[in-house]
Amino acid sequence: MELFGEHLALGTGIFLILALLMALCFEFVNGFHDTANAVATVIYTHSLRPVVAVVWSGFCNLMGVLTSSGAVAFGIVAFTPAVDLAQVLPVAVVITVAARLTAFAALRAAARKR
């Protein structure tokens, strides 16, 4: 499998894509929680009406995404090529991280149902 100009084994490529998808899903859900916490403070103090607070928060989040340079992310990627990551991370570490993320997501879901 060719990915970003590097030759990767099929299993390594699938693992890398799966890890990226998990990270994106986590960030998507985490963004909802961060926005809700920020908006809740403004609404609770009656600084803004709820509709205005939600629209303002969404606009600011969109502007942050559109104007960010991604310098930190690109710097990290520059120091850790995909092939090196695949060779360094043993399967046990991957399973442990996946289990912890799954447990974290389950606990958050259970807490939200209360």
PDB file of N, CA and C in Angstrom:
ATOM      1  N   MET A   1       0.844  -1.174   0.000  1.00  0.00           N
ATOM      2  CA  MET A   1       0.000   0.000   0.000  1.00  0.00           C
ATOM      3  C   MET A   1       0.888   1.234   0.000  1.00  0.00           C
ATOM      4  N   GLU A   2       0.642   2.131  -0.923  1.00  0.00           N
ATOM      5  CA  GLU A   2       1.362   3.399  -0.984  1.00  0.00           C
ATOM      6  C   GLU A   2       0.553   4.472  -0.271  1.00  0.00           C
ATOM      7  N   LEU A   3       1.160   5.149   0.691  1.00  0.00           N
ATOM      8  CA  LEU A   3       0.483   6.196   1.434  1.00  0.00           C
ATOM      9  C   LEU A   3       1.467   7.314   1.684  1.00  0.00           C
ATOM     10  N   PHE A   4       1.179   8.485   1.159  1.00  0.00           N
ATOM     11  CA  PHE A   4       2.032   9.659   1.303  1.00  0.00           C
ATOM     12  C   PHE A   4       3.453   9.403   0.795  1.00  0.00           C
ATOM     13  N   GLY A   5       3.565   8.660  -0.283  1.00  0.00           N
ATOM     14  CA  GLY A   5       4.865   8.384  -0.877  1.00  0.00           C
ATOM     15  C   GLY A   5       5.678   7.326  -0.161  1.00  0.00           C
ATOM     16  N   GLU A   6       5.099   6.691   0.851  1.00  0.00           N
ATOM     17  CA  GLU A   6       5.790   5.654   1.617  1.00  0.00           C
ATOM     18  C   GLU A   6       5.124   4.315   1.321  1.00  0.00           C
ATOM     19  N   HIS A   7       5.932   3.257   1.255  1.00  0.00           N
ATOM     20  CA  HIS A   7       5.382   1.923   1.065  1.00  0.00           C
ATOM     21  C   HIS A   7       5.085   1.329   2.434  1.00  0.00           C
ATOM     22  N   LEU A   8       3.821   0.975   2.650  1.00  0.00           N
ATOM     23  CA  LEU A   8       3.402   0.404   3.916  1.00  0.00           C
ATOM     24  C   LEU A   8       2.811  -0.977   3.682  1.00  0.00           C
ATOM     25  N   ALA A   9       2.982  -1.846   4.654  1.00  0.00           N
ATOM     26  CA  ALA A   9       2.305  -3.138   4.611  1.00  0.00           C
ATOM     27  C   ALA A   9       0.807  -2.894   4.717  1.00  0.00           C
ATOM     28  N   LEU A  10       0.010  -3.786   4.185  1.00  0.00           N
ATOM     29  CA  LEU A  10      -1.434  -3.603   4.167  1.00  0.00           C
ATOM     30  C   LEU A  10      -1.993  -3.442   5.584  1.00  0.00           C
ATOM     31  N   GLY A  11      -1.558  -4.275   6.505  1.00  0.00           N
ATOM     32  CA  GLY A  11      -2.035  -4.178   7.886  1.00  0.00           C
ATOM     33  C   GLY A  11      -1.664  -2.859   8.535  1.00  0.00           C
ATOM     34  N   THR A  12      -0.464  -2.375   8.251  1.00  0.00           N
ATOM     35  CA  THR A  12      -0.011  -1.106   8.803  1.00  0.00           C
ATOM     36  C   THR A  12      -0.837   0.042   8.250  1.00  0.00           C
ATOM     37  N   GLY A  13      -1.117   0.009   6.951  1.00  0.00           N
ATOM     38  CA  GLY A  13      -1.923   1.056   6.333  1.00  0.00           C
ATOM     39  C   GLY A  13      -3.333   1.090   6.883  1.00  0.00           C
ATOM     40  N   ILE A  14      -3.915  -0.094   7.067  1.00  0.00           N
ATOM     41  CA  ILE A  14      -5.267  -0.162   7.623  1.00  0.00           C
ATOM     42  C   ILE A  14      -5.274   0.348   9.058  1.00  0.00           C
ATOM     43  N   PHE A  15      -4.256  -0.040   9.841  1.00  0.00           N
ATOM     44  CA  PHE A  15      -4.151   0.442  11.212  1.00  0.00           C
ATOM     45  C   PHE A  15      -4.013   1.958  11.252  1.00  0.00           C
ATOM     46  N   LEU A  16      -3.198   2.515  10.379  1.00  0.00           N
ATOM     47  CA  LEU A  16      -3.001   3.960  10.354  1.00  0.00           C
ATOM     48  C   LEU A  16      -4.295   4.681  10.011  1.00  0.00           C
ATOM     49  N   ILE A  17      -5.007   4.201   9.019  1.00  0.00           N
ATOM     50  CA  ILE A  17      -6.268   4.828   8.627  1.00  0.00           C
ATOM     51  C   ILE A  17      -7.291   4.690   9.747  1.00  0.00           C
ATOM     52  N   LEU A  18      -7.353   3.518  10.396  1.00  0.00           N
ATOM     53  CA  LEU A  18      -8.270   3.311  11.508  1.00  0.00           C
ATOM     54  C   LEU A  18      -7.941   4.246  12.677  1.00  0.00           C
ATOM     55  N   ALA A  19      -6.662   4.413  12.964  1.00  0.00           N
ATOM     56  CA  ALA A  19      -6.253   5.315  14.049  1.00  0.00           C
ATOM     57  C   ALA A  19      -6.641   6.755  13.737  1.00  0.00           C
ATOM     58  N   LEU A  20      -6.457   7.165  12.498  1.00  0.00           N
ATOM     59  CA  LEU A  20      -6.846   8.526  12.111  1.00  0.00           C
ATOM     60  C   LEU A  20      -8.350   8.724  12.203  1.00  0.00           C
ATOM     61  N   LEU A  21      -9.123   7.741  11.789  1.00  0.00           N
ATOM     62  CA  LEU A  21     -10.583   7.835  11.890  1.00  0.00           C
ATOM     63  C   LEU A  21     -11.034   7.905  13.349  1.00  0.00           C
ATOM     64  N   MET A  22     -10.395   7.110  14.211  1.00  0.00           N
ATOM     65  CA  MET A  22     -10.732   7.168  15.636  1.00  0.00           C
ATOM     66  C   MET A  22     -10.412   8.537  16.220  1.00  0.00           C
ATOM     67  N   ALA A  23      -9.285   9.105  15.842  1.00  0.00           N
ATOM     68  CA  ALA A  23      -8.913  10.427  16.342  1.00  0.00           C
ATOM     69  C   ALA A  23      -9.895  11.489  15.860  1.00  0.00           C
ATOM     70  N   LEU A  24     -10.301  11.405  14.595  1.00  0.00           N
ATOM     71  CA  LEU A  24     -11.263  12.370  14.070  1.00  0.00           C
ATOM     72  C   LEU A  24     -12.611  12.248  14.773  1.00  0.00           C
ATOM     73  N   CYS A  25     -13.055  11.034  15.009  1.00  0.00           N
ATOM     74  CA  CYS A  25     -14.329  10.830  15.717  1.00  0.00           C
ATOM     75  C   CYS A  25     -14.250  11.386  17.137  1.00  0.00           C
ATOM     76  N   PHE A  26     -13.135  11.135  17.818  1.00  0.00           N
ATOM     77  CA  PHE A  26     -12.969  11.657  19.170  1.00  0.00           C
ATOM     78  C   PHE A  26     -12.996  13.180  19.171  1.00  0.00           C
ATOM     79  N   GLU A  27     -12.295  13.797  18.242  1.00  0.00           N
ATOM     80  CA  GLU A  27     -12.274  15.261  18.174  1.00  0.00           C
ATOM     81  C   GLU A  27     -13.653  15.827  17.860  1.00  0.00           C
ATOM     82  N   PHE A  28     -14.403  15.133  17.008  1.00  0.00           N
ATOM     83  CA  PHE A  28     -15.752  15.576  16.660  1.00  0.00           C
ATOM     84  C   PHE A  28     -16.641  15.583  17.901  1.00  0.00           C
ATOM     85  N   VAL A  29     -16.622  14.493  18.668  1.00  0.00           N
ATOM     86  CA  VAL A  29     -17.440  14.409  19.876  1.00  0.00           C
ATOM     87  C   VAL A  29     -16.931  15.370  20.937  1.00  0.00           C
ATOM     88  N   ASN A  30     -15.635  15.476  21.087  1.00  0.00           N
ATOM     89  CA  ASN A  30     -15.052  16.369  22.081  1.00  0.00           C
ATOM     90  C   ASN A  30     -15.401  17.820  21.777  1.00  0.00           C
ATOM     91  N   GLY A  31     -15.470  18.176  20.499  1.00  0.00           N
ATOM     92  CA  GLY A  31     -15.839  19.533  20.120  1.00  0.00           C
ATOM     93  C   GLY A  31     -17.247  19.886  20.564  1.00  0.00           C
ATOM     94  N   PHE A  32     -18.162  18.919  20.467  1.00  0.00           N
ATOM     95  CA  PHE A  32     -19.522  19.156  20.951  1.00  0.00           C
ATOM     96  C   PHE A  32     -19.514  19.470  22.441  1.00  0.00           C
ATOM     97  N   HIS A  33     -18.737  18.708  23.210  1.00  0.00           N
ATOM     98  CA  HIS A  33     -18.718  18.893  24.655  1.00  0.00           C
ATOM     99  C   HIS A  33     -18.071  20.220  25.020  1.00  0.00           C
ATOM    100  N   ASP A  34     -16.975  20.584  24.360  1.00  0.00           N
ATOM    101  CA  ASP A  34     -16.322  21.855  24.655  1.00  0.00           C
ATOM    102  C   ASP A  34     -17.232  23.027  24.331  1.00  0.00           C
ATOM    103  N   THR A  35     -17.911  22.951  23.200  1.00  0.00           N
ATOM    104  CA  THR A  35     -18.814  24.031  22.812  1.00  0.00           C
ATOM    105  C   THR A  35     -19.971  24.131  23.798  1.00  0.00           C
ATOM    106  N   ALA A  36     -20.509  23.002  24.194  1.00  0.00           N
ATOM    107  CA  ALA A  36     -21.623  23.018  25.154  1.00  0.00           C
ATOM    108  C   ALA A  36     -21.191  23.637  26.476  1.00  0.00           C
ATOM    109  N   ASN A  37     -20.012  23.319  26.945  1.00  0.00           N
ATOM    110  CA  ASN A  37     -19.531  23.897  28.198  1.00  0.00           C
ATOM    111  C   ASN A  37     -19.333  25.399  28.084  1.00  0.00           C
ATOM    112  N   ALA A  38     -18.770  25.859  26.975  1.00  0.00           N
ATOM    113  CA  ALA A  38     -18.546  27.290  26.794  1.00  0.00           C
ATOM    114  C   ALA A  38     -19.866  28.042  26.666  1.00  0.00           C
ATOM    115  N   VAL A  39     -20.795  27.492  25.934  1.00  0.00           N
ATOM    116  CA  VAL A  39     -22.082  28.156  25.730  1.00  0.00           C
ATOM    117  C   VAL A  39     -22.911  28.124  27.007  1.00  0.00           C
ATOM    118  N   ALA A  40     -22.810  27.063  27.783  1.00  0.00           N
ATOM    119  CA  ALA A  40     -23.595  26.950  29.007  1.00  0.00           C
ATOM    120  C   ALA A  40     -23.283  28.084  29.977  1.00  0.00           C
ATOM    121  N   THR A  41     -22.023  28.470  30.072  1.00  0.00           N
ATOM    122  CA  THR A  41     -21.649  29.559  30.969  1.00  0.00           C
ATOM    123  C   THR A  41     -22.286  30.870  30.542  1.00  0.00           C
ATOM    124  N   VAL A  42     -22.245  31.156  29.261  1.00  0.00           N
ATOM    125  CA  VAL A  42     -22.807  32.408  28.747  1.00  0.00           C
ATOM    126  C   VAL A  42     -24.329  32.423  28.908  1.00  0.00           C
ATOM    127  N   ILE A  43     -24.951  31.283  28.695  1.00  0.00           N
ATOM    128  CA  ILE A  43     -26.411  31.211  28.827  1.00  0.00           C
ATOM    129  C   ILE A  43     -26.823  31.293  30.301  1.00  0.00           C
ATOM    130  N   TYR A  44     -26.113  30.596  31.161  1.00  0.00           N
ATOM    131  CA  TYR A  44     -26.462  30.565  32.580  1.00  0.00           C
ATOM    132  C   TYR A  44     -26.347  31.941  33.222  1.00  0.00           C
ATOM    133  N   THR A  45     -25.357  32.718  32.815  1.00  0.00           N
ATOM    134  CA  THR A  45     -25.181  34.065  33.379  1.00  0.00           C
ATOM    135  C   THR A  45     -26.071  35.090  32.695  1.00  0.00           C
ATOM    136  N   HIS A  46     -26.848  34.655  31.710  1.00  0.00           N
ATOM    137  CA  HIS A  46     -27.756  35.530  30.954  1.00  0.00           C
ATOM    138  C   HIS A  46     -27.005  36.646  30.233  1.00  0.00           C
ATOM    139  N   SER A  47     -25.756  36.374  29.873  1.00  0.00           N
ATOM    140  CA  SER A  47     -24.988  37.346  29.090  1.00  0.00           C
ATOM    141  C   SER A  47     -25.512  37.431  27.668  1.00  0.00           C
ATOM    142  N   LEU A  48     -25.909  36.300  27.124  1.00  0.00           N
ATOM    143  CA  LEU A  48     -26.473  36.239  25.775  1.00  0.00           C
ATOM    144  C   LEU A  48     -27.693  35.335  25.794  1.00  0.00           C
ATOM    145  N   ARG A  49     -28.579  35.561  24.833  1.00  0.00           N
ATOM    146  CA  ARG A  49     -29.699  34.644  24.663  1.00  0.00           C
ATOM    147  C   ARG A  49     -29.162  33.330  24.102  1.00  0.00           C
ATOM    148  N   PRO A  50     -29.824  32.216  24.371  1.00  0.00           N
ATOM    149  CA  PRO A  50     -29.308  30.908  23.933  1.00  0.00           C
ATOM    150  C   PRO A  50     -29.062  30.819  22.423  1.00  0.00           C
ATOM    151  N   VAL A  51     -29.979  31.332  21.613  1.00  0.00           N
ATOM    152  CA  VAL A  51     -29.801  31.237  20.155  1.00  0.00           C
ATOM    153  C   VAL A  51     -28.578  32.030  19.712  1.00  0.00           C
ATOM    154  N   VAL A  52     -28.402  33.213  20.264  1.00  0.00           N
ATOM    155  CA  VAL A  52     -27.253  34.043  19.900  1.00  0.00           C
ATOM    156  C   VAL A  52     -25.956  33.373  20.350  1.00  0.00           C
ATOM    157  N   ALA A  53     -25.949  32.791  21.542  1.00  0.00           N
ATOM    158  CA  ALA A  53     -24.738  32.140  22.066  1.00  0.00           C
ATOM    159  C   ALA A  53     -24.333  30.951  21.204  1.00  0.00           C
ATOM    160  N   VAL A  54     -25.292  30.140  20.794  1.00  0.00           N
ATOM    161  CA  VAL A  54     -24.975  28.968  19.980  1.00  0.00           C
ATOM    162  C   VAL A  54     -24.468  29.383  18.605  1.00  0.00           C
ATOM    163  N   VAL A  55     -25.113  30.364  17.991  1.00  0.00           N
ATOM    164  CA  VAL A  55     -24.675  30.831  16.667  1.00  0.00           C
ATOM    165  C   VAL A  55     -23.287  31.456  16.762  1.00  0.00           C
ATOM    166  N   TRP A  56     -23.058  32.249  17.791  1.00  0.00           N
ATOM    167  CA  TRP A  56     -21.757  32.897  17.969  1.00  0.00           C
ATOM    168  C   TRP A  56     -20.664  31.847  18.188  1.00  0.00           C
ATOM    169  N   SER A  57     -20.949  30.835  19.014  1.00  0.00           N
ATOM    170  CA  SER A  57     -19.985  29.773  19.260  1.00  0.00           C
ATOM    171  C   SER A  57     -19.667  29.002  17.980  1.00  0.00           C
ATOM    172  N   GLY A  58     -20.702  28.666  17.208  1.00  0.00           N
ATOM    173  CA  GLY A  58     -20.480  27.965  15.940  1.00  0.00           C
ATOM    174  C   GLY A  58     -19.650  28.780  14.973  1.00  0.00           C
ATOM    175  N   PHE A  59     -19.927  30.076  14.897  1.00  0.00           N
ATOM    176  CA  PHE A  59     -19.171  30.957  14.002  1.00  0.00           C
ATOM    177  C   PHE A  59     -17.707  31.034  14.432  1.00  0.00           C
ATOM    178  N   CYS A  60     -17.473  31.186  15.732  1.00  0.00           N
ATOM    179  CA  CYS A  60     -16.085  31.271  16.219  1.00  0.00           C
ATOM    180  C   CYS A  60     -15.329  29.961  16.006  1.00  0.00           C
ATOM    181  N   ASN A  61     -16.000  28.832  16.205  1.00  0.00           N
ATOM    182  CA  ASN A  61     -15.353  27.541  15.939  1.00  0.00           C
ATOM    183  C   ASN A  61     -15.011  27.397  14.464  1.00  0.00           C
ATOM    184  N   LEU A  62     -15.916  27.792  13.586  1.00  0.00           N
ATOM    185  CA  LEU A  62     -15.656  27.727  12.148  1.00  0.00           C
ATOM    186  C   LEU A  62     -14.491  28.628  11.774  1.00  0.00           C
ATOM    187  N   MET A  63     -14.439  29.834  12.318  1.00  0.00           N
ATOM    188  CA  MET A  63     -13.339  30.749  12.001  1.00  0.00           C
ATOM    189  C   MET A  63     -12.009  30.193  12.509  1.00  0.00           C
ATOM    190  N   GLY A  64     -12.031  29.529  13.661  1.00  0.00           N
ATOM    191  CA  GLY A  64     -10.813  28.918  14.183  1.00  0.00           C
ATOM    192  C   GLY A  64     -10.289  27.827  13.268  1.00  0.00           C
ATOM    193  N   VAL A  65     -11.193  27.030  12.735  1.00  0.00           N
ATOM    194  CA  VAL A  65     -10.784  25.964  11.819  1.00  0.00           C
ATOM    195  C   VAL A  65     -10.242  26.552  10.522  1.00  0.00           C
ATOM    196  N   LEU A  66     -10.919  27.565  10.004  1.00  0.00           N
ATOM    197  CA  LEU A  66     -10.515  28.133   8.722  1.00  0.00           C
ATOM    198  C   LEU A  66      -9.222  28.941   8.798  1.00  0.00           C
ATOM    199  N   THR A  67      -8.925  29.532   9.943  1.00  0.00           N
ATOM    200  CA  THR A  67      -7.738  30.381  10.049  1.00  0.00           C
ATOM    201  C   THR A  67      -6.536  29.695  10.682  1.00  0.00           C
ATOM    202  N   SER A  68      -6.711  28.488  11.225  1.00  0.00           N
ATOM    203  CA  SER A  68      -5.563  27.820  11.850  1.00  0.00           C
ATOM    204  C   SER A  68      -4.584  27.341  10.790  1.00  0.00           C
ATOM    205  N   SER A  69      -3.321  27.381  11.136  1.00  0.00           N
ATOM    206  CA  SER A  69      -2.292  26.985  10.172  1.00  0.00           C
ATOM    207  C   SER A  69      -1.952  25.505  10.274  1.00  0.00           C
ATOM    208  N   GLY A  70      -2.239  24.889  11.404  1.00  0.00           N
ATOM    209  CA  GLY A  70      -1.893  23.487  11.592  1.00  0.00           C
ATOM    210  C   GLY A  70      -0.405  23.280  11.793  1.00  0.00           C
ATOM    211  N   ALA A  71       0.311  24.313  12.218  1.00  0.00           N
ATOM    212  CA  ALA A  71       1.764  24.228  12.356  1.00  0.00           C
ATOM    213  C   ALA A  71       2.189  23.157  13.351  1.00  0.00           C
ATOM    214  N   VAL A  72       1.483  23.031  14.455  1.00  0.00           N
ATOM    215  CA  VAL A  72       1.853  22.036  15.459  1.00  0.00           C
ATOM    216  C   VAL A  72       1.670  20.631  14.896  1.00  0.00           C
ATOM    217  N   ALA A  73       0.528  20.381  14.260  1.00  0.00           N
ATOM    218  CA  ALA A  73       0.266  19.055  13.700  1.00  0.00           C
ATOM    219  C   ALA A  73       1.294  18.707  12.622  1.00  0.00           C
ATOM    220  N   PHE A  74       1.608  19.658  11.752  1.00  0.00           N
ATOM    221  CA  PHE A  74       2.588  19.386  10.705  1.00  0.00           C
ATOM    222  C   PHE A  74       3.978  19.167  11.291  1.00  0.00           C
ATOM    223  N   GLY A  75       4.296  19.866  12.378  1.00  0.00           N
ATOM    224  CA  GLY A  75       5.585  19.663  13.034  1.00  0.00           C
ATOM    225  C   GLY A  75       5.710  18.280  13.626  1.00  0.00           C
ATOM    226  N   ILE A  76       4.636  17.791  14.238  1.00  0.00           N
ATOM    227  CA  ILE A  76       4.656  16.444  14.814  1.00  0.00           C
ATOM    228  C   ILE A  76       4.787  15.400  13.717  1.00  0.00           C
ATOM    229  N   VAL A  77       4.041  15.578  12.637  1.00  0.00           N
ATOM    230  CA  VAL A  77       4.099  14.618  11.531  1.00  0.00           C
ATOM    231  C   VAL A  77       5.488  14.611  10.900  1.00  0.00           C
ATOM    232  N   ALA A  78       6.134  15.765  10.829  1.00  0.00           N
ATOM    233  CA  ALA A  78       7.465  15.839  10.221  1.00  0.00           C
ATOM    234  C   ALA A  78       8.493  15.028  11.017  1.00  0.00           C
ATOM    235  N   PHE A  79       8.316  14.951  12.332  1.00  0.00           N
ATOM    236  CA  PHE A  79       9.274  14.223  13.166  1.00  0.00           C
ATOM    237  C   PHE A  79       8.959  12.746  13.299  1.00  0.00           C
ATOM    238  N   THR A  80       7.744  12.321  12.922  1.00  0.00           N
ATOM    239  CA  THR A  80       7.361  10.923  13.080  1.00  0.00           C
ATOM    240  C   THR A  80       6.736  10.400  11.793  1.00  0.00           C
ATOM    241  N   PRO A  81       7.549   9.946  10.860  1.00  0.00           N
ATOM    242  CA  PRO A  81       6.989   9.372   9.628  1.00  0.00           C
ATOM    243  C   PRO A  81       6.120   8.152   9.927  1.00  0.00           C
ATOM    244  N   ALA A  82       5.183   7.860   9.048  1.00  0.00           N
ATOM    245  CA  ALA A  82       4.222   6.777   9.263  1.00  0.00           C
ATOM    246  C   ALA A  82       4.919   5.429   9.427  1.00  0.00           C
ATOM    247  N   VAL A  83       5.976   5.192   8.685  1.00  0.00           N
ATOM    248  CA  VAL A  83       6.674   3.907   8.772  1.00  0.00           C
ATOM    249  C   VAL A  83       7.305   3.743  10.151  1.00  0.00           C
ATOM    250  N   ASP A  84       7.917   4.803  10.683  1.00  0.00           N
ATOM    251  CA  ASP A  84       8.521   4.715  12.011  1.00  0.00           C
ATOM    252  C   ASP A  84       7.471   4.461  13.077  1.00  0.00           C
ATOM    253  N   LEU A  85       6.318   5.122  12.978  1.00  0.00           N
ATOM    254  CA  LEU A  85       5.253   4.900  13.954  1.00  0.00           C
ATOM    255  C   LEU A  85       4.798   3.454  13.944  1.00  0.00           C
ATOM    256  N   ALA A  86       4.661   2.889  12.762  1.00  0.00           N
ATOM    257  CA  ALA A  86       4.187   1.513  12.655  1.00  0.00           C
ATOM    258  C   ALA A  86       5.196   0.538  13.246  1.00  0.00           C
ATOM    259  N   GLN A  87       6.477   0.842  13.157  1.00  0.00           N
ATOM    260  CA  GLN A  87       7.486  -0.069  13.685  1.00  0.00           C
ATOM    261  C   GLN A  87       7.666   0.093  15.194  1.00  0.00           C
ATOM    262  N   VAL A  88       7.407   1.276  15.711  1.00  0.00           N
ATOM    263  CA  VAL A  88       7.640   1.539  17.123  1.00  0.00           C
ATOM    264  C   VAL A  88       6.493   1.047  17.994  1.00  0.00           C
ATOM    265  N   LEU A  89       5.266   1.222  17.534  1.00  0.00           N
ATOM    266  CA  LEU A  89       4.116   0.866  18.355  1.00  0.00           C
ATOM    267  C   LEU A  89       3.818  -0.633  18.304  1.00  0.00           C
ATOM    268  N   PRO A  90       3.993  -1.331  19.390  1.00  0.00           N
ATOM    269  CA  PRO A  90       3.638  -2.752  19.381  1.00  0.00           C
ATOM    270  C   PRO A  90       2.121  -2.904  19.475  1.00  0.00           C
ATOM    271  N   VAL A  91       1.661  -4.073  19.151  1.00  0.00           N
ATOM    272  CA  VAL A  91       0.228  -4.345  19.137  1.00  0.00           C
ATOM    273  C   VAL A  91      -0.377  -4.166  20.524  1.00  0.00           C
ATOM    274  N   ALA A  92       0.356  -4.516  21.566  1.00  0.00           N
ATOM    275  CA  ALA A  92      -0.172  -4.391  22.923  1.00  0.00           C
ATOM    276  C   ALA A  92      -0.503  -2.940  23.268  1.00  0.00           C
ATOM    277  N   VAL A  93       0.339  -2.028  22.854  1.00  0.00           N
ATOM    278  CA  VAL A  93       0.083  -0.614  23.123  1.00  0.00           C
ATOM    279  C   VAL A  93      -1.160  -0.156  22.375  1.00  0.00           C
ATOM    280  N   VAL A  94      -1.301  -0.582  21.149  1.00  0.00           N
ATOM    281  CA  VAL A  94      -2.460  -0.205  20.343  1.00  0.00           C
ATOM    282  C   VAL A  94      -3.742  -0.730  20.979  1.00  0.00           C
ATOM    283  N   ILE A  95      -3.724  -1.970  21.430  1.00  0.00           N
ATOM    284  CA  ILE A  95      -4.903  -2.551  22.069  1.00  0.00           C
ATOM    285  C   ILE A  95      -5.222  -1.814  23.369  1.00  0.00           C
ATOM    286  N   THR A  96      -4.207  -1.463  24.134  1.00  0.00           N
ATOM    287  CA  THR A  96      -4.421  -0.741  25.380  1.00  0.00           C
ATOM    288  C   THR A  96      -5.041   0.622  25.125  1.00  0.00           C
ATOM    289  N   VAL A  97      -4.519   1.344  24.167  1.00  0.00           N
ATOM    290  CA  VAL A  97      -5.062   2.663  23.841  1.00  0.00           C
ATOM    291  C   VAL A  97      -6.498   2.536  23.343  1.00  0.00           C
ATOM    292  N   ALA A  98      -6.762   1.582  22.482  1.00  0.00           N
ATOM    293  CA  ALA A  98      -8.120   1.388  21.972  1.00  0.00           C
ATOM    294  C   ALA A  98      -9.076   1.031  23.107  1.00  0.00           C
ATOM    295  N   ALA A  99      -8.642   0.201  24.027  1.00  0.00           N
ATOM    296  CA  ALA A  99      -9.491  -0.172  25.161  1.00  0.00           C
ATOM    297  C   ALA A  99      -9.777   1.025  26.051  1.00  0.00           C
ATOM    298  N   ARG A 100      -8.775   1.840  26.288  1.00  0.00           N
ATOM    299  CA  ARG A 100      -8.981   3.027  27.129  1.00  0.00           C
ATOM    300  C   ARG A 100      -9.912   4.024  26.451  1.00  0.00           C
ATOM    301  N   LEU A 101      -9.754   4.224  25.155  1.00  0.00           N
ATOM    302  CA  LEU A 101     -10.652   5.132  24.443  1.00  0.00           C
ATOM    303  C   LEU A 101     -12.081   4.602  24.447  1.00  0.00           C
ATOM    304  N   THR A 102     -12.244   3.300  24.287  1.00  0.00           N
ATOM    305  CA  THR A 102     -13.573   2.707  24.318  1.00  0.00           C
ATOM    306  C   THR A 102     -14.195   2.859  25.705  1.00  0.00           C
ATOM    307  N   ALA A 103     -13.425   2.607  26.739  1.00  0.00           N
ATOM    308  CA  ALA A 103     -13.931   2.762  28.100  1.00  0.00           C
ATOM    309  C   ALA A 103     -14.291   4.215  28.390  1.00  0.00           C
ATOM    310  N   PHE A 104     -13.462   5.128  27.935  1.00  0.00           N
ATOM    311  CA  PHE A 104     -13.733   6.545  28.133  1.00  0.00           C
ATOM    312  C   PHE A 104     -15.031   6.945  27.443  1.00  0.00           C
ATOM    313  N   ALA A 105     -15.213   6.502  26.204  1.00  0.00           N
ATOM    314  CA  ALA A 105     -16.434   6.825  25.470  1.00  0.00           C
ATOM    315  C   ALA A 105     -17.662   6.217  26.145  1.00  0.00           C
ATOM    316  N   ALA A 106     -17.538   4.995  26.645  1.00  0.00           N
ATOM    317  CA  ALA A 106     -18.657   4.349  27.321  1.00  0.00           C
ATOM    318  C   ALA A 106     -19.019   5.072  28.610  1.00  0.00           C
ATOM    319  N   LEU A 107     -18.015   5.495  29.366  1.00  0.00           N
ATOM    320  CA  LEU A 107     -18.288   6.227  30.601  1.00  0.00           C
ATOM    321  C   LEU A 107     -18.931   7.574  30.315  1.00  0.00           C
ATOM    322  N   ARG A 108     -18.465   8.257  29.277  1.00  0.00           N
ATOM    323  CA  ARG A 108     -19.086   9.547  28.916  1.00  0.00           C
ATOM    324  C   ARG A 108     -20.533   9.354  28.493  1.00  0.00           C
ATOM    325  N   ALA A 109     -20.787   8.302  27.723  1.00  0.00           N
ATOM    326  CA  ALA A 109     -22.158   8.032  27.270  1.00  0.00           C
ATOM    327  C   ALA A 109     -23.051   7.693  28.469  1.00  0.00           C
ATOM    328  N   ALA A 110     -22.545   6.904  29.398  1.00  0.00           N
ATOM    329  CA  ALA A 110     -23.327   6.546  30.573  1.00  0.00           C
ATOM    330  C   ALA A 110     -23.593   7.766  31.451  1.00  0.00           C
ATOM    331  N   ALA A 111     -22.631   8.647  31.557  1.00  0.00           N
ATOM    332  CA  ALA A 111     -22.798   9.857  32.382  1.00  0.00           C
ATOM    333  C   ALA A 111     -23.840  10.799  31.760  1.00  0.00           C
ATOM    334  N   ARG A 112     -23.903  10.831  30.452  1.00  0.00           N
ATOM    335  CA  ARG A 112     -24.857  11.724  29.781  1.00  0.00           C
ATOM    336  C   ARG A 112     -26.285  11.209  29.911  1.00  0.00           C
ATOM    337  N   LYS A 113     -26.474   9.897  30.132  1.00  0.00           N
ATOM    338  CA  LYS A 113     -27.814   9.327  30.260  1.00  0.00           C
ATOM    339  C   LYS A 113     -28.420   9.563  31.637  1.00  0.00           C
ATOM    340  N   ARG A 114     -27.615   9.942  32.597  1.00  0.00           N
ATOM    341  CA  ARG A 114     -28.129  10.147  33.974  1.00  0.00           C
ATOM    342  C   ARG A 114     -28.912  11.414  34.075  1.00  0.00           C
TER     343      ARG A 114
END
